[in-house]
Structure formats: structure tokens, C-alpha cells
Amino acid sequence: MIIKNIFEGNCDAEVHSDFLKFGKGEFKDKYLVEAKKVKDRWNIKTGAEFANYLVRKGIEKNPGKIGVTGVIVSTMPLDIPFSNGKKQFMGVKQFKVSGEVDAKEILDLMNKYPRVFFALSFVLPDYELKIKAKAPKSAKPSTSEKEAKAEFCSLKTSDANFVKEMFFDFPNFQEISVRHTLKISEMIYPKDLAKMKPEEVREQSKRKGIIVRNVLIDGKNEVRQANFEA
């Protein structure tokens, strides 16, 4: 998971890929997540940044056919055999998905196109996931004072191991809310910048800065931060 990797000092290719959408500046209310424990289940809500992670976690545990609805969002042309139609606006393509799909087909597509957005909903025995069937908003520096809400993805699960990974630093709670601020202070460009195409520069440039993790757990506030270069 992106945030867990950063705080464990592992700014790997996954973190780099996810941070390509950010430029220099301060980005508030990113990677929002909140949860409440109800008996032996957890009700979890998140921002759009967690969509692919939540989809992958669900289908990895449940091989075979899965009833899926939603959209797959991409700026590039895709061949999706299980798509039920496509709409396009301003270069953004939304492939509609509705019906029974083999979990392996979805995983193969996610592995092949890790930057494509999978807004897919499905219900499994211990994993009920609902994601808004639309493209996420673009990442821009914060200008509004209005507090964002974790409402793009909704998950109900009884999987304690998943909760321990999702809330890696505070896994035991009755109610928790987490929000992050990204402070990107520097863009680190490739050394052979002049010889590269613009898209190559974008792909290989790194972001350097600080991520602040603000956690409200059972009424108590905890703040942590970590440096990153990804």
C-alpha cells in the first residue's frame, strides 16, 4: 500500500507511479480514509486514491467469476473483452463493466496497466465494495478551506488482516479517521534531460518532500510525518 510503504521507508516503483499526478506544492486531504468497527466487521470509507488497492485486495482473495459493476477509466485505448460499452469526453475513456467477470482477467489488466483507474464494485462473502463509477478529480494544490470527505469508496469487511494492513500504525480502534497532506518541495529531473522526450521526462522525474499523516483515533489525535523521494 502506498502510504504504508512511504512510512516504512520503501518509496518503490508503486509510490513513484502514484505520485506522477502531483507537481510542486501542498496537497491537503489526500488518501483520506475513515473506519468504524461494528461487532466483528469494519465499515470503511476512502478517497479515490484507494480505489485500485481496494479492488485488487478483494479479487486477489476470491478467484473465479465475480459479479462486477462500474467503469474502468483511461486516457489510452484499451482492449477490454468484458466491457459493455464505452463513452469518451476530453480524451478520457470510460469503459462500462456490468456482469460476471473472471477475477484473473481483471488482475491481468491491472498488472498490465497499473495507472488505469478501476472504479469497480462487487460483493464477496467477507468483502462488500462500492466505488463511484466515475473518474477521480485531478490532483491540484489545495486552494479551498472546505474539508474533503472520504466518500469515493465504501467497504464492509470482516477481514482483520486487511484492516491491519490498511491501518498499519493503529490497527486496533473503534473509530478512526486519517487524512494526509503532501508537501512536494522539489522536482528531481533525470540527468540527461535535454535528450529526452517530454513524456520520458515526466515518467522518470521524482518528487521530493514530506507527507503528514493526521490520525484521529477514538477521539485522540496523532500526527506523524515522513520524508519521501519518489
Protein backbone atom coordinates (compact mmCIF):
# COMPACT_ATOMS: atom_id res chain seq x y z
CA MET A 1 0.00 0.00 0.00
CA ILE A 2 1.28 3.46 -0.98
CA ILE A 3 1.09 5.21 2.41
CA LYS A 4 2.34 2.20 4.36
CA ASN A 5 5.32 1.89 2.01
CA ILE A 6 6.29 5.55 2.49
CA PHE A 7 6.17 5.39 6.28
CA GLU A 8 8.20 2.19 6.22
CA GLY A 9 10.87 3.93 4.12
CA ASN A 10 10.08 1.98 0.96
CA CYS A 11 9.48 4.57 -1.79
CA ASP A 12 9.24 1.95 -4.53
CA ALA A 13 8.01 1.97 -8.14
CA GLU A 14 4.39 1.80 -6.94
CA VAL A 15 4.81 5.03 -4.95
CA HIS A 16 6.58 6.71 -7.86
CA SER A 17 3.81 5.72 -10.26
CA ASP A 18 1.09 7.02 -7.94
CA PHE A 19 2.87 10.33 -7.35
CA LEU A 20 3.27 11.16 -11.06
CA LYS A 21 -0.02 13.05 -10.92
CA PHE A 22 1.39 15.57 -8.41
CA GLY A 23 3.55 18.61 -9.14
CA LYS A 24 5.22 21.00 -6.70
CA GLY A 25 3.01 22.41 -3.98
CA GLU A 26 0.93 21.46 -0.97
CA PHE A 27 -1.88 18.97 -1.43
CA LYS A 28 -4.24 18.67 1.52
CA ASP A 29 -6.78 15.96 2.29
CA LYS A 30 -5.21 13.24 0.15
CA TYR A 31 -5.50 9.49 0.76
CA LEU A 32 -8.49 10.01 3.02
CA VAL A 33 -9.76 7.03 4.96
CA GLU A 34 -12.09 6.53 7.88
CA ALA A 35 -13.49 3.43 9.56
CA LYS A 36 -15.77 2.23 12.32
CA LYS A 37 -15.84 -1.20 13.91
CA VAL A 38 -19.32 -2.68 14.29
CA LYS A 39 -19.22 -6.01 16.15
CA ASP A 40 -16.91 -8.23 14.09
CA ARG A 41 -17.00 -6.10 10.92
CA TRP A 42 -15.47 -2.82 9.81
CA ASN A 43 -17.19 -0.13 7.77
CA ILE A 44 -14.51 1.73 5.80
CA LYS A 45 -14.72 4.79 3.55
CA THR A 46 -11.88 6.25 1.49
CA GLY A 47 -10.93 8.79 -1.12
CA ALA A 48 -10.43 7.84 -4.78
CA GLU A 49 -6.70 7.16 -4.28
CA PHE A 50 -7.50 3.81 -2.66
CA ALA A 51 -9.80 2.51 -5.43
CA ASN A 52 -7.30 0.27 -7.25
CA TYR A 53 -5.87 -1.03 -3.99
CA LEU A 54 -9.33 -1.98 -2.70
CA VAL A 55 -10.33 -3.66 -5.95
CA ARG A 56 -7.11 -5.67 -6.09
CA LYS A 57 -7.35 -6.79 -2.45
CA GLY A 58 -10.86 -8.09 -2.97
CA ILE A 59 -10.36 -10.03 -6.17
CA GLU A 60 -6.99 -11.48 -5.11
CA LYS A 61 -8.77 -13.33 -2.31
CA ASN A 62 -11.59 -14.62 -4.50
CA PRO A 63 -10.53 -16.37 -7.71
CA GLY A 64 -13.20 -17.34 -10.22
CA LYS A 65 -16.21 -15.46 -11.52
CA ILE A 66 -17.27 -12.26 -9.75
CA GLY A 67 -20.33 -10.11 -10.36
CA VAL A 68 -18.88 -6.67 -11.12
CA THR A 69 -20.32 -3.24 -11.97
CA GLY A 70 -18.62 0.10 -12.60
CA VAL A 71 -16.20 1.71 -15.02
CA ILE A 72 -12.55 1.45 -15.99
CA VAL A 73 -11.10 4.90 -16.72
CA SER A 74 -8.17 5.51 -19.04
CA THR A 75 -6.63 8.15 -21.31
CA MET A 76 -5.20 5.42 -23.54
CA PRO A 77 -7.05 2.97 -25.80
CA LEU A 78 -7.66 -0.39 -24.11
CA ASP A 79 -8.90 -3.76 -25.27
CA ILE A 80 -11.26 -4.95 -22.53
CA PRO A 81 -13.12 -8.11 -23.59
CA PHE A 82 -15.58 -7.89 -20.70
CA SER A 83 -16.55 -4.24 -21.26
CA ASN A 84 -20.22 -3.49 -22.02
CA GLY A 85 -19.64 -0.18 -23.79
CA LYS A 86 -17.54 2.97 -23.77
CA LYS A 87 -18.01 6.71 -23.52
CA GLN A 88 -15.38 9.37 -24.05
CA PHE A 89 -15.00 13.03 -23.12
CA MET A 90 -11.95 15.28 -23.48
CA GLY A 91 -9.72 12.30 -24.17
CA VAL A 92 -10.82 10.38 -21.07
CA LYS A 93 -12.35 7.00 -21.85
CA GLN A 94 -14.75 5.20 -19.52
CA PHE A 95 -15.29 1.51 -20.22
CA LYS A 96 -18.52 0.23 -18.67
CA VAL A 97 -18.45 -3.08 -16.82
CA SER A 98 -21.57 -4.95 -15.72
CA GLY A 99 -21.84 -8.69 -15.28
CA GLU A 100 -19.85 -11.78 -14.34
CA VAL A 101 -16.11 -11.39 -14.90
CA ASP A 102 -13.24 -13.77 -14.21
CA ALA A 103 -11.10 -12.30 -11.42
CA LYS A 104 -7.93 -13.25 -13.30
CA GLU A 105 -8.96 -11.08 -16.28
CA ILE A 106 -9.25 -8.05 -14.00
CA LEU A 107 -5.95 -8.76 -12.26
CA ASP A 108 -4.14 -9.24 -15.57
CA LEU A 109 -5.49 -5.89 -16.77
CA MET A 110 -4.47 -4.15 -13.52
CA ASN A 111 -0.97 -5.60 -13.78
CA LYS A 112 -0.63 -4.57 -17.42
CA TYR A 113 -2.00 -1.04 -16.88
CA PRO A 114 -1.18 -0.01 -13.29
CA ARG A 115 -2.12 3.66 -13.91
CA VAL A 116 -5.56 2.92 -15.28
CA PHE A 117 -8.35 3.67 -12.78
CA PHE A 118 -10.56 0.72 -11.80
CA ALA A 119 -13.81 2.04 -10.29
CA LEU A 120 -15.38 -1.38 -9.81
CA SER A 121 -17.93 -2.57 -7.25
CA PHE A 122 -18.66 -6.13 -6.16
CA VAL A 123 -19.95 -8.18 -3.25
CA LEU A 124 -18.00 -11.15 -1.86
CA PRO A 125 -18.61 -13.23 1.30
CA ASP A 126 -16.46 -11.01 3.56
CA TYR A 127 -15.78 -8.06 1.27
CA GLU A 128 -18.54 -5.71 0.06
CA LEU A 129 -17.03 -2.92 -2.05
CA LYS A 130 -18.79 0.05 -3.64
CA ILE A 131 -16.89 2.63 -5.71
CA LYS A 132 -18.38 5.61 -7.52
CA ALA A 133 -18.48 4.83 -11.23
CA LYS A 134 -16.66 7.92 -12.46
CA ALA A 135 -13.20 9.36 -12.98
CA PRO A 136 -11.45 10.89 -9.94
CA LYS A 137 -10.71 14.60 -9.79
CA SER A 138 -7.29 15.73 -10.97
CA ALA A 139 -4.60 16.40 -8.37
CA LYS A 140 -4.16 20.14 -7.81
CA PRO A 141 -2.57 22.16 -5.00
CA SER A 142 -5.03 22.98 -2.23
CA THR A 143 -6.96 26.25 -2.52
CA SER A 144 -10.22 25.53 -0.69
CA GLU A 145 -10.67 25.70 3.08
CA LYS A 146 -13.56 23.23 2.84
CA GLU A 147 -12.66 19.89 4.39
CA ALA A 148 -12.81 16.99 1.95
CA LYS A 149 -14.71 13.83 2.83
CA ALA A 150 -13.79 10.18 2.44
CA GLU A 151 -16.74 9.14 0.31
CA PHE A 152 -15.49 7.83 -3.05
CA CYS A 153 -15.10 4.20 -1.94
CA SER A 154 -17.07 2.25 0.64
CA LEU A 155 -16.09 -1.15 2.03
CA LYS A 156 -17.64 -3.52 4.55
CA THR A 157 -15.38 -6.37 5.61
CA SER A 158 -14.66 -8.84 8.40
CA ASP A 159 -11.07 -9.37 7.25
CA ALA A 160 -8.89 -8.42 10.23
CA ASN A 161 -5.67 -8.92 8.26
CA PHE A 162 -6.80 -6.38 5.69
CA VAL A 163 -7.58 -3.86 8.44
CA LYS A 164 -4.11 -4.40 9.96
CA GLU A 165 -2.53 -3.52 6.62
CA MET A 166 -4.84 -0.61 5.86
CA PHE A 167 -4.36 0.94 9.32
CA PHE A 168 -0.80 -0.27 9.76
CA ASP A 169 0.17 2.04 12.63
CA PHE A 170 -3.15 1.99 14.55
CA PRO A 171 -4.87 -1.34 13.75
CA ASN A 172 -6.94 -1.52 16.95
CA PHE A 173 -9.77 1.00 17.11
CA GLN A 174 -13.49 1.53 17.37
CA GLU A 175 -13.49 4.61 15.14
CA ILE A 176 -10.68 6.19 13.13
CA SER A 177 -10.20 8.97 10.58
CA VAL A 178 -6.98 9.55 8.63
CA ARG A 179 -6.06 12.37 6.27
CA HIS A 180 -2.75 13.25 4.64
CA THR A 181 -1.06 16.41 3.42
CA LEU A 182 1.58 16.08 0.70
CA LYS A 183 4.21 18.83 0.67
CA ILE A 184 6.23 18.47 -2.51
CA SER A 185 9.16 20.88 -2.31
CA GLU A 186 11.31 19.73 -5.21
CA MET A 187 11.15 18.03 -8.60
CA ILE A 188 14.22 15.90 -9.35
CA TYR A 189 14.71 15.62 -13.09
CA PRO A 190 16.78 13.00 -14.98
CA LYS A 191 20.40 13.91 -15.71
CA ASP A 192 20.06 13.52 -19.48
CA LEU A 193 17.02 15.78 -19.56
CA ALA A 194 17.94 17.55 -22.81
CA LYS A 195 17.99 14.28 -24.77
CA MET A 196 14.63 13.03 -23.55
CA LYS A 197 11.09 13.39 -24.82
CA PRO A 198 8.63 15.32 -22.61
CA GLU A 199 6.72 12.15 -21.69
CA GLU A 200 10.00 10.43 -20.74
CA VAL A 201 10.94 13.35 -18.50
CA ARG A 202 7.56 13.15 -16.80
CA GLU A 203 7.84 9.39 -16.31
CA GLN A 204 11.32 9.50 -14.81
CA SER A 205 11.15 12.68 -12.72
CA LYS A 206 10.90 12.21 -8.96
CA ARG A 207 9.06 14.19 -6.31
CA LYS A 208 10.75 15.08 -3.04
CA GLY A 209 9.03 16.29 0.08
CA ILE A 210 7.14 15.43 3.25
CA ILE A 211 3.87 13.62 3.90
CA VAL A 212 1.99 14.50 7.08
CA ARG A 213 -0.34 11.81 8.45
CA ASN A 214 -3.08 13.11 10.75
CA VAL A 215 -4.92 10.36 12.60
CA LEU A 216 -7.98 10.82 14.82
CA ILE A 217 -8.41 7.53 16.66
CA ASP A 218 -11.16 7.05 19.27
CA GLY A 219 -11.16 10.78 19.98
CA LYS A 220 -7.38 11.14 20.28
CA ASN A 221 -5.31 12.96 17.66
CA GLU A 222 -1.96 11.58 16.46
CA VAL A 223 0.31 13.27 13.91
CA ARG A 224 3.22 11.62 12.10
CA GLN A 225 5.29 12.62 9.12
CA ALA A 226 7.73 11.01 6.75
CA ASN A 227 10.17 12.22 4.09
CA PHE A 228 9.87 10.81 0.61
CA GLU A 229 11.66 10.87 -2.74
CA ALA A 230 9.66 9.00 -5.32
